[in-house]
């Protein structure tokens, strides 16, 4: 039996944003280029998390944020993303449920902890991010079922999911089930480098199953392989 119908179902990498006000010297100390986003391993994530002062944590990730905004405006929404049954995973789940979002995958005990992006903000407002992907990369084909997909009006897919081991196959299954349920498929391109990594898959989607493509100028140019809109 499928889950209750919603207007929007988001499927993405579930990441907890961990924000902290820091000084430029703190950025220099960890060896991160100011304003950069760097992927880090679990050991560094644990150390960095422990060192951050006055942390503010919230559910994050681009599609998760979009679903949260939609729900906060009164829309009926559901979400599929993998978090571990740990402090941050339970916080992510609770944040989304507070907005009455139907969480289709509960936190689960897995090898990897919940993904988090350590966002360090200097006095000039610049953000430097150190991101540990963790459990979000474990999203699987088996997570996409008639029950978890349900009968949404729109399914919003995040481009970054294609970077995970089972991501492409999982998204193909979600699209298949969504189409059978009569849903429209929307793809968020995530960033221009993501588009370049998965140009063939995204181009195929854009010319076939995807009804809506969401992207900024750089992402759209990358998708069509051009330098300007006049090409």
N, C-alpha and C. Protein backbone atom coordinates (compact mmCIF):
# COMPACT_ATOMS: atom_id res chain seq x y z
N UNK A 1 0.85 -1.20 0.00
CA UNK A 1 0.00 0.00 0.00
C UNK A 1 0.88 1.24 0.00
N UNK A 2 0.59 2.16 -0.91
CA UNK A 2 1.41 3.36 -1.05
C UNK A 2 1.13 4.34 0.08
N UNK A 3 2.14 5.20 0.34
CA UNK A 3 1.98 6.24 1.35
C UNK A 3 0.95 7.26 0.88
N UNK A 4 0.46 8.05 1.82
CA UNK A 4 -0.53 9.07 1.51
C UNK A 4 0.01 10.04 0.47
N UNK A 5 -0.87 10.51 -0.38
CA UNK A 5 -0.47 11.42 -1.44
C UNK A 5 -0.05 12.77 -0.86
N UNK A 6 0.99 13.34 -1.46
CA UNK A 6 1.45 14.69 -1.10
C UNK A 6 1.67 15.47 -2.39
N UNK A 7 1.78 16.78 -2.25
CA UNK A 7 2.04 17.60 -3.43
C UNK A 7 3.49 17.48 -3.89
N UNK A 8 4.42 17.36 -2.93
CA UNK A 8 5.84 17.34 -3.28
C UNK A 8 6.58 16.28 -2.49
N UNK A 9 7.34 15.45 -3.21
CA UNK A 9 8.24 14.49 -2.60
C UNK A 9 9.66 14.84 -3.02
N UNK A 10 10.53 15.10 -2.04
CA UNK A 10 11.93 15.38 -2.34
C UNK A 10 12.80 14.18 -2.05
N UNK A 11 13.78 13.94 -2.93
CA UNK A 11 14.74 12.85 -2.73
C UNK A 11 16.13 13.45 -2.88
N UNK A 12 16.94 13.33 -1.81
CA UNK A 12 18.24 14.01 -1.87
C UNK A 12 19.22 13.47 -0.84
N UNK A 13 20.43 14.03 -0.88
CA UNK A 13 21.42 13.78 0.16
C UNK A 13 21.00 14.55 1.41
N UNK A 14 20.75 13.82 2.49
CA UNK A 14 20.32 14.43 3.75
C UNK A 14 21.55 14.86 4.54
N UNK A 15 21.70 16.15 4.73
CA UNK A 15 22.88 16.71 5.39
C UNK A 15 22.45 17.68 6.48
N UNK A 16 23.08 17.59 7.64
CA UNK A 16 22.83 18.54 8.72
C UNK A 16 23.82 19.69 8.59
N UNK A 17 23.30 20.91 8.55
CA UNK A 17 24.15 22.10 8.54
C UNK A 17 24.56 22.42 9.98
N UNK A 18 25.86 22.54 10.21
CA UNK A 18 26.39 22.92 11.52
C UNK A 18 27.08 24.26 11.36
N UNK A 19 26.46 25.32 11.84
CA UNK A 19 26.96 26.67 11.62
C UNK A 19 27.62 27.22 12.87
N UNK A 20 28.71 27.98 12.65
CA UNK A 20 29.42 28.59 13.77
C UNK A 20 30.11 29.86 13.30
N UNK A 21 30.08 30.89 14.16
CA UNK A 21 30.81 32.12 13.88
C UNK A 21 32.27 31.91 14.27
N UNK A 22 33.18 32.22 13.34
CA UNK A 22 34.62 32.00 13.60
C UNK A 22 35.41 33.24 13.16
N UNK A 23 36.69 33.22 13.47
CA UNK A 23 37.61 34.25 13.03
C UNK A 23 38.45 33.73 11.86
N UNK A 24 38.99 34.62 11.03
CA UNK A 24 39.84 34.16 9.91
C UNK A 24 40.97 33.24 10.35
N UNK A 25 41.50 33.46 11.55
CA UNK A 25 42.58 32.61 12.05
C UNK A 25 42.13 31.17 12.23
N UNK A 26 40.84 30.98 12.55
CA UNK A 26 40.32 29.63 12.71
C UNK A 26 40.30 28.89 11.37
N UNK A 27 39.97 29.62 10.31
CA UNK A 27 39.96 29.03 8.97
C UNK A 27 41.39 28.66 8.56
N UNK A 28 42.31 29.55 8.86
CA UNK A 28 43.72 29.30 8.53
C UNK A 28 44.25 28.09 9.29
N UNK A 29 43.82 27.94 10.53
CA UNK A 29 44.31 26.86 11.38
C UNK A 29 43.96 25.48 10.83
N UNK A 30 42.77 25.34 10.24
CA UNK A 30 42.39 24.03 9.70
C UNK A 30 42.87 23.84 8.27
N UNK A 31 43.51 24.87 7.70
CA UNK A 31 44.09 24.75 6.37
C UNK A 31 43.10 24.78 5.24
N UNK A 32 41.96 25.43 5.44
CA UNK A 32 40.93 25.50 4.40
C UNK A 32 41.01 26.84 3.66
N UNK A 33 40.95 26.83 2.34
CA UNK A 33 40.87 28.09 1.60
C UNK A 33 39.60 28.84 1.98
N UNK A 34 39.68 30.10 2.37
CA UNK A 34 38.47 30.86 2.74
C UNK A 34 37.43 30.84 1.63
N UNK A 35 36.18 30.56 2.00
CA UNK A 35 35.09 30.55 1.02
C UNK A 35 34.94 29.25 0.27
N UNK A 36 35.75 28.25 0.60
CA UNK A 36 35.72 26.99 -0.15
C UNK A 36 34.74 25.99 0.45
N UNK A 37 34.48 24.92 -0.32
CA UNK A 37 33.75 23.76 0.18
C UNK A 37 34.65 22.56 -0.06
N UNK A 38 35.04 21.89 1.03
CA UNK A 38 35.96 20.77 0.94
C UNK A 38 35.33 19.53 1.56
N UNK A 39 35.45 18.38 0.89
CA UNK A 39 34.99 17.13 1.46
C UNK A 39 36.03 16.60 2.44
N UNK A 40 35.57 16.16 3.60
CA UNK A 40 36.48 15.66 4.63
C UNK A 40 36.06 14.26 5.07
N UNK A 41 36.99 13.56 5.72
CA UNK A 41 36.69 12.21 6.19
C UNK A 41 36.07 12.24 7.59
N UNK A 42 35.69 11.06 8.07
CA UNK A 42 34.98 10.97 9.35
C UNK A 42 35.85 11.45 10.52
N UNK A 43 37.13 11.10 10.51
CA UNK A 43 38.00 11.49 11.61
C UNK A 43 38.10 13.01 11.73
N UNK A 44 38.27 13.69 10.60
CA UNK A 44 38.36 15.14 10.64
C UNK A 44 37.02 15.76 11.01
N UNK A 45 35.92 15.14 10.56
CA UNK A 45 34.59 15.65 10.89
C UNK A 45 34.35 15.62 12.39
N UNK A 46 34.74 14.53 13.03
CA UNK A 46 34.56 14.40 14.48
C UNK A 46 35.37 15.47 15.21
N UNK A 47 36.62 15.65 14.80
CA UNK A 47 37.50 16.63 15.44
C UNK A 47 36.99 18.05 15.24
N UNK A 48 36.57 18.36 14.01
CA UNK A 48 36.10 19.71 13.71
C UNK A 48 34.81 20.02 14.46
N UNK A 49 33.90 19.06 14.50
CA UNK A 49 32.63 19.26 15.19
C UNK A 49 32.88 19.56 16.68
N UNK A 50 33.81 18.83 17.27
CA UNK A 50 34.11 19.03 18.69
C UNK A 50 34.72 20.39 18.97
N UNK A 51 35.44 20.95 17.99
CA UNK A 51 36.14 22.22 18.19
C UNK A 51 35.26 23.44 17.95
N UNK A 52 34.14 23.27 17.26
CA UNK A 52 33.29 24.41 16.92
C UNK A 52 32.52 24.90 18.14
N UNK A 53 32.50 26.20 18.33
CA UNK A 53 31.84 26.81 19.49
C UNK A 53 30.48 27.39 19.10
N UNK A 54 29.54 27.37 20.04
CA UNK A 54 28.22 27.99 19.83
C UNK A 54 27.59 27.52 18.52
N UNK A 55 27.56 26.21 18.33
CA UNK A 55 27.05 25.63 17.09
C UNK A 55 25.54 25.78 16.99
N UNK A 56 25.07 26.03 15.77
CA UNK A 56 23.64 25.99 15.46
C UNK A 56 23.45 24.92 14.40
N UNK A 57 22.56 23.96 14.66
CA UNK A 57 22.37 22.83 13.76
C UNK A 57 20.96 22.84 13.18
N UNK A 58 20.87 22.50 11.90
CA UNK A 58 19.55 22.41 11.26
C UNK A 58 19.62 21.47 10.07
N UNK A 59 18.49 20.87 9.74
CA UNK A 59 18.42 20.01 8.56
C UNK A 59 18.79 20.82 7.33
N UNK A 60 19.60 20.21 6.45
CA UNK A 60 20.05 20.95 5.28
C UNK A 60 20.15 20.07 4.05
N UNK A 61 20.84 20.60 3.04
CA UNK A 61 20.86 20.00 1.72
C UNK A 61 19.87 20.75 0.86
N UNK A 62 20.20 20.99 -0.41
CA UNK A 62 19.40 21.90 -1.23
C UNK A 62 17.95 21.45 -1.39
N UNK A 63 17.73 20.19 -1.73
CA UNK A 63 16.36 19.72 -1.93
C UNK A 63 15.62 19.61 -0.60
N UNK A 64 16.32 19.18 0.46
CA UNK A 64 15.68 19.15 1.78
C UNK A 64 15.23 20.56 2.18
N UNK A 65 16.07 21.55 1.89
CA UNK A 65 15.68 22.94 2.19
C UNK A 65 14.47 23.36 1.37
N UNK A 66 14.43 22.96 0.11
CA UNK A 66 13.29 23.31 -0.75
C UNK A 66 12.01 22.68 -0.22
N UNK A 67 12.11 21.41 0.18
CA UNK A 67 10.94 20.73 0.74
C UNK A 67 10.49 21.40 2.03
N UNK A 68 11.46 21.79 2.88
CA UNK A 68 11.13 22.46 4.13
C UNK A 68 10.43 23.80 3.88
N UNK A 69 10.93 24.56 2.91
CA UNK A 69 10.29 25.85 2.58
C UNK A 69 8.88 25.63 2.06
N UNK A 70 8.71 24.62 1.21
CA UNK A 70 7.39 24.32 0.66
C UNK A 70 6.42 23.96 1.77
N UNK A 71 6.88 23.13 2.71
CA UNK A 71 6.01 22.73 3.82
C UNK A 71 5.68 23.90 4.73
N UNK A 72 6.68 24.79 4.95
CA UNK A 72 6.44 25.93 5.83
C UNK A 72 5.43 26.90 5.25
N UNK A 73 5.25 26.85 3.93
CA UNK A 73 4.26 27.70 3.26
C UNK A 73 2.89 27.01 3.16
N UNK A 74 2.79 25.83 3.77
CA UNK A 74 1.50 25.15 3.83
C UNK A 74 1.33 24.01 2.86
N UNK A 75 2.37 23.70 2.07
CA UNK A 75 2.28 22.61 1.11
C UNK A 75 2.44 21.26 1.78
N UNK A 76 1.78 20.24 1.25
CA UNK A 76 1.95 18.89 1.77
C UNK A 76 3.19 18.28 1.14
N UNK A 77 4.09 17.76 1.98
CA UNK A 77 5.39 17.32 1.47
C UNK A 77 5.87 16.06 2.15
N UNK A 78 6.72 15.32 1.44
CA UNK A 78 7.37 14.13 1.98
C UNK A 78 8.83 14.17 1.54
N UNK A 79 9.64 13.33 2.21
CA UNK A 79 11.08 13.39 1.93
C UNK A 79 11.70 12.00 2.06
N UNK A 80 12.63 11.71 1.13
CA UNK A 80 13.43 10.49 1.19
C UNK A 80 14.89 10.89 1.22
N UNK A 81 15.59 10.52 2.28
CA UNK A 81 17.02 10.78 2.42
C UNK A 81 17.53 9.93 3.56
N UNK A 82 18.78 9.49 3.47
CA UNK A 82 19.30 8.55 4.45
C UNK A 82 20.10 9.25 5.55
N UNK A 83 19.66 9.07 6.79
CA UNK A 83 20.41 9.53 7.96
C UNK A 83 20.60 8.36 8.90
N UNK A 84 21.65 8.45 9.73
CA UNK A 84 21.91 7.41 10.72
C UNK A 84 21.12 7.68 11.99
N UNK A 85 20.96 6.66 12.81
CA UNK A 85 20.29 6.84 14.10
C UNK A 85 21.34 7.31 15.12
N UNK A 86 21.70 8.58 14.97
CA UNK A 86 22.65 9.21 15.89
C UNK A 86 22.12 10.60 16.23
N UNK A 87 22.87 11.37 16.97
CA UNK A 87 22.38 12.67 17.43
C UNK A 87 21.97 13.57 16.28
N UNK A 88 22.82 13.67 15.26
CA UNK A 88 22.51 14.57 14.15
C UNK A 88 21.40 14.00 13.27
N UNK A 89 21.39 12.69 13.08
CA UNK A 89 20.33 12.08 12.28
C UNK A 89 18.96 12.26 12.92
N UNK A 90 18.89 12.07 14.22
CA UNK A 90 17.62 12.27 14.93
C UNK A 90 17.19 13.74 14.90
N UNK A 91 18.19 14.65 14.92
CA UNK A 91 17.88 16.08 14.84
C UNK A 91 17.34 16.43 13.47
N UNK A 92 17.95 15.88 12.42
CA UNK A 92 17.46 16.11 11.06
C UNK A 92 16.01 15.64 10.93
N UNK A 93 15.76 14.42 11.39
CA UNK A 93 14.42 13.84 11.30
C UNK A 93 13.41 14.69 12.07
N UNK A 94 13.79 15.14 13.27
CA UNK A 94 12.88 15.94 14.09
C UNK A 94 12.60 17.30 13.45
N UNK A 95 13.63 17.94 12.87
CA UNK A 95 13.45 19.24 12.23
C UNK A 95 12.43 19.14 11.10
N UNK A 96 12.54 18.09 10.29
CA UNK A 96 11.64 17.94 9.15
C UNK A 96 10.22 17.61 9.63
N UNK A 97 10.12 16.76 10.62
CA UNK A 97 8.79 16.38 11.12
C UNK A 97 8.07 17.55 11.79
N UNK A 98 8.83 18.48 12.37
CA UNK A 98 8.20 19.67 12.96
C UNK A 98 7.44 20.47 11.91
N UNK A 99 7.86 20.34 10.65
CA UNK A 99 7.19 21.04 9.55
C UNK A 99 6.11 20.18 8.91
N UNK A 100 5.75 19.09 9.58
CA UNK A 100 4.75 18.11 9.13
C UNK A 100 5.15 17.42 7.84
N UNK A 101 6.45 17.32 7.59
CA UNK A 101 6.95 16.60 6.42
C UNK A 101 6.92 15.10 6.73
N UNK A 102 6.38 14.33 5.80
CA UNK A 102 6.30 12.88 5.95
C UNK A 102 7.67 12.29 5.61
N UNK A 103 8.39 11.85 6.65
CA UNK A 103 9.73 11.28 6.45
C UNK A 103 9.58 9.80 6.09
N UNK A 104 9.89 9.47 4.86
CA UNK A 104 9.64 8.13 4.36
C UNK A 104 10.70 7.11 4.78
N UNK A 105 11.90 7.59 5.20
CA UNK A 105 12.95 6.70 5.71
C UNK A 105 13.31 7.13 7.12
N UNK A 106 13.11 6.30 8.13
CA UNK A 106 13.48 6.67 9.49
C UNK A 106 15.00 6.60 9.67
N UNK A 107 15.55 7.28 10.67
CA UNK A 107 16.98 7.13 10.97
C UNK A 107 17.29 5.65 11.20
N UNK A 108 18.45 5.23 10.71
CA UNK A 108 18.79 3.81 10.75
C UNK A 108 20.22 3.60 11.22
N UNK A 109 20.44 2.54 11.96
CA UNK A 109 21.80 2.22 12.41
C UNK A 109 22.59 1.69 11.23
N UNK A 110 23.60 2.46 10.84
CA UNK A 110 24.44 2.07 9.70
C UNK A 110 25.90 2.32 10.05
N UNK A 111 26.80 1.89 9.17
CA UNK A 111 28.22 2.04 9.44
C UNK A 111 28.64 3.51 9.49
N UNK A 112 28.07 4.32 8.62
CA UNK A 112 28.48 5.73 8.53
C UNK A 112 27.56 6.62 9.35
N UNK A 113 28.11 7.62 10.05
CA UNK A 113 27.29 8.60 10.76
C UNK A 113 26.55 9.51 9.78
N UNK A 114 25.61 10.27 10.32
CA UNK A 114 24.86 11.22 9.50
C UNK A 114 25.79 12.26 8.87
N UNK A 115 25.50 12.59 7.62
CA UNK A 115 26.28 13.61 6.91
C UNK A 115 26.11 14.96 7.56
N UNK A 116 27.17 15.75 7.54
CA UNK A 116 27.06 17.11 8.06
C UNK A 116 28.00 18.04 7.29
N UNK A 117 27.57 19.29 7.17
CA UNK A 117 28.39 20.32 6.56
C UNK A 117 28.74 21.34 7.64
N UNK A 118 30.01 21.42 7.98
CA UNK A 118 30.47 22.37 8.99
C UNK A 118 30.64 23.72 8.29
N UNK A 119 29.79 24.66 8.61
CA UNK A 119 29.77 25.95 7.92
C UNK A 119 30.32 27.01 8.88
N UNK A 120 31.51 27.47 8.57
CA UNK A 120 32.20 28.44 9.43
C UNK A 120 32.07 29.82 8.80
N UNK A 121 31.51 30.75 9.56
CA UNK A 121 31.19 32.07 9.04
C UNK A 121 32.07 33.12 9.70
N UNK A 122 32.86 33.80 8.90
CA UNK A 122 33.75 34.85 9.41
C UNK A 122 33.00 36.17 9.52
N UNK A 123 33.55 37.16 10.25
CA UNK A 123 32.84 38.43 10.45
C UNK A 123 32.41 39.14 9.17
N UNK A 124 33.09 38.89 8.05
CA UNK A 124 32.70 39.53 6.79
C UNK A 124 31.56 38.79 6.08
N UNK A 125 31.05 37.73 6.72
CA UNK A 125 29.92 37.00 6.16
C UNK A 125 30.31 35.86 5.23
N UNK A 126 31.60 35.67 5.01
CA UNK A 126 32.05 34.60 4.11
C UNK A 126 31.88 33.24 4.77
N UNK A 127 31.43 32.25 3.99
CA UNK A 127 31.22 30.91 4.51
C UNK A 127 32.30 29.97 3.97
N UNK A 128 32.89 29.22 4.86
CA UNK A 128 33.84 28.17 4.49
C UNK A 128 33.25 26.86 4.98
N UNK A 129 33.11 25.89 4.07
CA UNK A 129 32.40 24.65 4.41
C UNK A 129 33.32 23.44 4.35
N UNK A 130 33.23 22.62 5.37
CA UNK A 130 33.92 21.34 5.44
C UNK A 130 32.83 20.28 5.57
N UNK A 131 32.69 19.44 4.55
CA UNK A 131 31.53 18.56 4.45
C UNK A 131 31.92 17.08 4.52
N UNK A 132 31.25 16.37 5.43
CA UNK A 132 31.40 14.93 5.55
C UNK A 132 30.11 14.29 5.06
N UNK A 133 30.19 13.45 4.03
CA UNK A 133 28.98 12.92 3.38
C UNK A 133 28.34 11.76 4.13
N UNK A 134 29.14 10.91 4.75
CA UNK A 134 28.59 9.89 5.63
C UNK A 134 27.41 9.11 5.09
N UNK A 135 26.36 9.00 5.91
CA UNK A 135 25.24 8.11 5.63
C UNK A 135 24.45 8.49 4.39
N UNK A 136 24.49 9.75 3.99
CA UNK A 136 23.66 10.15 2.85
C UNK A 136 24.07 9.43 1.57
N UNK A 137 25.33 8.97 1.50
CA UNK A 137 25.79 8.26 0.30
C UNK A 137 25.27 6.83 0.25
N UNK A 138 24.58 6.39 1.31
CA UNK A 138 24.10 5.02 1.38
C UNK A 138 22.66 4.87 0.88
N UNK A 139 22.10 5.92 0.30
CA UNK A 139 20.77 5.81 -0.28
C UNK A 139 20.81 4.72 -1.34
N UNK A 140 19.77 3.87 -1.37
CA UNK A 140 19.84 2.65 -2.17
C UNK A 140 18.58 2.43 -3.00
N UNK A 141 18.71 1.56 -3.99
CA UNK A 141 17.55 1.18 -4.81
C UNK A 141 16.44 0.62 -3.92
N UNK A 142 16.82 -0.14 -2.91
CA UNK A 142 15.82 -0.75 -2.01
C UNK A 142 15.03 0.28 -1.21
N UNK A 143 15.52 1.53 -1.16
CA UNK A 143 14.78 2.60 -0.46
C UNK A 143 13.61 3.11 -1.29
N UNK A 144 13.61 2.79 -2.59
CA UNK A 144 12.58 3.29 -3.50
C UNK A 144 11.54 2.21 -3.73
N UNK A 145 10.41 2.33 -3.04
CA UNK A 145 9.33 1.35 -3.14
C UNK A 145 8.02 2.06 -3.41
N UNK A 146 6.99 1.30 -3.70
CA UNK A 146 5.67 1.90 -3.88
C UNK A 146 5.24 2.64 -2.63
N UNK A 147 5.66 2.13 -1.46
CA UNK A 147 5.28 2.78 -0.21
C UNK A 147 6.03 4.09 -0.01
N UNK A 148 7.36 4.10 -0.22
CA UNK A 148 8.13 5.32 0.03
C UNK A 148 7.86 6.39 -1.04
N UNK A 149 7.66 5.96 -2.28
CA UNK A 149 7.37 6.94 -3.34
C UNK A 149 5.94 7.44 -3.23
N UNK A 150 5.00 6.54 -3.02
CA UNK A 150 3.60 6.96 -2.89
C UNK A 150 3.03 7.52 -4.17
N UNK A 151 2.16 8.54 -4.02
CA UNK A 151 1.51 9.14 -5.19
C UNK A 151 1.63 10.67 -5.15
N UNK A 152 2.84 11.20 -5.19
CA UNK A 152 3.01 12.66 -5.14
C UNK A 152 2.63 13.32 -6.47
N UNK A 153 2.35 14.59 -6.40
CA UNK A 153 2.11 15.35 -7.63
C UNK A 153 3.44 15.60 -8.35
N UNK A 154 4.47 15.97 -7.58
CA UNK A 154 5.80 16.24 -8.14
C UNK A 154 6.86 15.54 -7.29
N UNK A 155 7.84 14.93 -7.97
CA UNK A 155 9.01 14.38 -7.30
C UNK A 155 10.20 15.26 -7.67
N UNK A 156 10.87 15.81 -6.66
CA UNK A 156 12.03 16.67 -6.87
C UNK A 156 13.30 15.89 -6.54
N UNK A 157 14.14 15.68 -7.54
CA UNK A 157 15.38 14.92 -7.40
C UNK A 157 16.57 15.86 -7.34
N UNK A 158 17.55 15.51 -6.51
CA UNK A 158 18.76 16.32 -6.37
C UNK A 158 19.89 15.72 -7.20
N UNK A 159 20.54 16.56 -8.01
CA UNK A 159 21.61 16.08 -8.86
C UNK A 159 22.74 15.40 -8.13
N UNK A 160 23.06 15.87 -6.94
CA UNK A 160 24.16 15.30 -6.17
C UNK A 160 23.97 13.81 -5.87
N UNK A 161 22.72 13.33 -5.86
CA UNK A 161 22.48 11.92 -5.56
C UNK A 161 23.16 11.03 -6.60
N UNK A 162 23.33 11.53 -7.81
CA UNK A 162 24.00 10.75 -8.86
C UNK A 162 25.47 10.49 -8.52
N UNK A 163 26.03 11.22 -7.54
CA UNK A 163 27.41 11.00 -7.12
C UNK A 163 27.55 9.82 -6.15
N UNK A 164 26.47 9.30 -5.62
CA UNK A 164 26.53 8.24 -4.63
C UNK A 164 26.54 6.88 -5.33
N UNK A 165 27.05 5.83 -4.65
CA UNK A 165 27.22 4.53 -5.31
C UNK A 165 25.97 3.98 -6.00
N UNK A 166 24.84 3.97 -5.30
CA UNK A 166 23.61 3.45 -5.90
C UNK A 166 22.69 4.56 -6.39
N UNK A 167 23.17 5.80 -6.34
CA UNK A 167 22.33 6.93 -6.70
C UNK A 167 21.67 6.84 -8.06
N UNK A 168 22.43 6.62 -9.14
CA UNK A 168 21.79 6.57 -10.46
C UNK A 168 20.70 5.50 -10.57
N UNK A 169 20.98 4.31 -10.05
CA UNK A 169 19.99 3.24 -10.10
C UNK A 169 18.79 3.55 -9.21
N UNK A 170 19.06 4.14 -8.04
CA UNK A 170 17.97 4.50 -7.13
C UNK A 170 17.07 5.57 -7.76
N UNK A 171 17.67 6.55 -8.42
CA UNK A 171 16.88 7.59 -9.05
C UNK A 171 16.08 7.05 -10.23
N UNK A 172 16.66 6.11 -10.96
CA UNK A 172 15.93 5.49 -12.06
C UNK A 172 14.70 4.76 -11.54
N UNK A 173 14.85 4.08 -10.42
CA UNK A 173 13.71 3.37 -9.82
C UNK A 173 12.66 4.35 -9.31
N UNK A 174 13.11 5.45 -8.69
CA UNK A 174 12.17 6.46 -8.20
C UNK A 174 11.38 7.07 -9.35
N UNK A 175 12.06 7.33 -10.46
CA UNK A 175 11.39 7.90 -11.63
C UNK A 175 10.37 6.91 -12.19
N UNK A 176 10.78 5.65 -12.26
CA UNK A 176 9.87 4.61 -12.78
C UNK A 176 8.60 4.53 -11.94
N UNK A 177 8.77 4.46 -10.61
CA UNK A 177 7.61 4.37 -9.73
C UNK A 177 6.79 5.66 -9.76
N UNK A 178 7.48 6.79 -9.84
CA UNK A 178 6.78 8.06 -9.89
C UNK A 178 5.92 8.20 -11.13
N UNK A 179 6.48 7.81 -12.26
CA UNK A 179 5.72 7.88 -13.51
C UNK A 179 4.50 6.96 -13.46
N UNK A 180 4.66 5.78 -12.89
CA UNK A 180 3.53 4.86 -12.77
C UNK A 180 2.43 5.45 -11.89
N UNK A 181 2.85 6.29 -10.91
CA UNK A 181 1.88 6.92 -10.01
C UNK A 181 1.33 8.23 -10.57
N UNK A 182 1.79 8.62 -11.75
CA UNK A 182 1.29 9.85 -12.38
C UNK A 182 1.98 11.12 -11.93
N UNK A 183 3.14 10.99 -11.29
CA UNK A 183 3.86 12.17 -10.80
C UNK A 183 4.64 12.85 -11.92
N UNK A 184 4.84 14.15 -11.75
CA UNK A 184 5.76 14.89 -12.62
C UNK A 184 7.14 14.85 -11.98
N UNK A 185 8.17 14.78 -12.80
CA UNK A 185 9.54 14.65 -12.32
C UNK A 185 10.29 15.96 -12.49
N UNK A 186 10.86 16.45 -11.40
CA UNK A 186 11.67 17.68 -11.44
C UNK A 186 13.10 17.32 -11.04
N UNK A 187 14.07 17.90 -11.73
CA UNK A 187 15.48 17.65 -11.44
C UNK A 187 16.17 18.96 -11.08
N UNK A 188 16.76 19.01 -9.89
CA UNK A 188 17.61 20.14 -9.50
C UNK A 188 19.04 19.79 -9.89
N UNK A 189 19.68 20.63 -10.70
CA UNK A 189 20.99 20.30 -11.26
C UNK A 189 22.13 20.39 -10.25
N UNK A 190 21.91 21.00 -9.11
CA UNK A 190 22.85 21.07 -7.97
C UNK A 190 24.01 22.04 -8.19
N UNK A 191 24.91 21.78 -9.12
CA UNK A 191 25.93 22.76 -9.49
C UNK A 191 26.50 22.38 -10.85
N UNK A 192 27.23 23.31 -11.48
CA UNK A 192 27.69 23.09 -12.85
C UNK A 192 28.68 21.93 -12.93
N UNK A 193 29.48 21.72 -11.87
CA UNK A 193 30.43 20.61 -11.88
C UNK A 193 29.69 19.27 -11.79
N UNK A 194 28.59 19.25 -11.04
CA UNK A 194 27.76 18.06 -10.97
C UNK A 194 27.18 17.75 -12.35
N UNK A 195 26.75 18.78 -13.06
CA UNK A 195 26.22 18.60 -14.41
C UNK A 195 27.30 18.02 -15.32
N UNK A 196 28.52 18.53 -15.23
CA UNK A 196 29.60 18.03 -16.07
C UNK A 196 29.91 16.56 -15.76
N UNK A 197 29.83 16.19 -14.49
CA UNK A 197 30.11 14.80 -14.11
C UNK A 197 29.05 13.84 -14.66
N UNK A 198 27.81 14.33 -14.79
CA UNK A 198 26.70 13.45 -15.17
C UNK A 198 25.96 14.00 -16.38
N UNK A 199 26.70 14.60 -17.29
CA UNK A 199 26.09 15.27 -18.45
C UNK A 199 25.19 14.33 -19.25
N UNK A 200 25.66 13.12 -19.51
CA UNK A 200 24.87 12.19 -20.32
C UNK A 200 23.56 11.84 -19.64
N UNK A 201 23.61 11.51 -18.34
CA UNK A 201 22.40 11.13 -17.62
C UNK A 201 21.42 12.30 -17.53
N UNK A 202 21.93 13.50 -17.24
CA UNK A 202 21.05 14.65 -17.09
C UNK A 202 20.46 15.08 -18.44
N UNK A 203 21.25 14.97 -19.50
CA UNK A 203 20.73 15.32 -20.83
C UNK A 203 19.62 14.36 -21.23
N UNK A 204 19.82 13.09 -20.93
CA UNK A 204 18.78 12.09 -21.23
C UNK A 204 17.51 12.39 -20.45
N UNK A 205 17.68 12.74 -19.17
CA UNK A 205 16.51 13.09 -18.36
C UNK A 205 15.80 14.32 -18.91
N UNK A 206 16.58 15.34 -19.27
CA UNK A 206 16.00 16.59 -19.76
C UNK A 206 15.20 16.39 -21.04
N UNK A 207 15.60 15.42 -21.84
CA UNK A 207 14.90 15.18 -23.11
C UNK A 207 13.87 14.07 -23.00
N UNK A 208 13.71 13.51 -21.79
CA UNK A 208 12.78 12.40 -21.63
C UNK A 208 11.89 12.52 -20.43
N UNK A 209 12.27 11.87 -19.32
CA UNK A 209 11.38 11.72 -18.17
C UNK A 209 11.20 12.98 -17.34
N UNK A 210 12.17 13.89 -17.36
CA UNK A 210 12.06 15.09 -16.52
C UNK A 210 11.09 16.10 -17.12
N UNK A 211 10.13 16.51 -16.31
CA UNK A 211 9.16 17.52 -16.75
C UNK A 211 9.63 18.93 -16.40
N UNK A 212 10.47 19.04 -15.36
CA UNK A 212 10.94 20.34 -14.87
C UNK A 212 12.43 20.23 -14.61
N UNK A 213 13.22 21.19 -15.11
CA UNK A 213 14.64 21.27 -14.82
C UNK A 213 14.90 22.57 -14.06
N UNK A 214 15.56 22.45 -12.90
CA UNK A 214 15.83 23.62 -12.07
C UNK A 214 17.34 23.84 -12.02
N UNK A 215 17.78 25.05 -12.42
CA UNK A 215 19.20 25.34 -12.39
C UNK A 215 19.47 26.81 -12.60
N UNK A 216 20.66 27.25 -12.20
CA UNK A 216 21.05 28.63 -12.46
C UNK A 216 21.70 28.72 -13.84
N UNK A 217 22.19 29.90 -14.19
CA UNK A 217 22.72 30.11 -15.53
C UNK A 217 23.89 29.17 -15.83
N UNK A 218 24.83 29.06 -14.89
CA UNK A 218 26.01 28.22 -15.12
C UNK A 218 25.62 26.76 -15.31
N UNK A 219 24.64 26.30 -14.54
CA UNK A 219 24.21 24.91 -14.62
C UNK A 219 23.51 24.63 -15.95
N UNK A 220 22.68 25.58 -16.41
CA UNK A 220 21.99 25.39 -17.67
C UNK A 220 22.96 25.41 -18.85
N UNK A 221 23.95 26.30 -18.79
CA UNK A 221 24.95 26.34 -19.86
C UNK A 221 25.72 25.02 -19.91
N UNK A 222 26.06 24.49 -18.73
CA UNK A 222 26.77 23.21 -18.68
C UNK A 222 25.92 22.08 -19.23
N UNK A 223 24.62 22.10 -18.93
CA UNK A 223 23.72 21.06 -19.40
C UNK A 223 23.66 21.01 -20.92
N UNK A 224 23.64 22.19 -21.54
CA UNK A 224 23.54 22.24 -23.00
C UNK A 224 24.89 22.34 -23.69
N UNK A 225 25.98 22.36 -22.89
CA UNK A 225 27.31 22.36 -23.47
C UNK A 225 27.64 23.59 -24.26
N UNK A 226 27.18 24.75 -23.79
CA UNK A 226 27.44 26.00 -24.50
C UNK A 226 28.05 27.01 -23.53
N UNK A 227 28.61 28.08 -24.08
CA UNK A 227 29.23 29.12 -23.25
C UNK A 227 28.32 30.29 -22.98
N UNK A 228 27.38 30.56 -23.90
CA UNK A 228 26.43 31.65 -23.74
C UNK A 228 25.07 31.18 -24.25
N UNK A 229 24.03 31.91 -23.90
CA UNK A 229 22.70 31.56 -24.38
C UNK A 229 22.55 31.76 -25.87
N UNK A 230 23.44 32.51 -26.48
CA UNK A 230 23.35 32.78 -27.92
C UNK A 230 24.04 31.72 -28.76
N UNK A 231 24.76 30.79 -28.12
CA UNK A 231 25.47 29.74 -28.89
C UNK A 231 24.49 28.82 -29.61
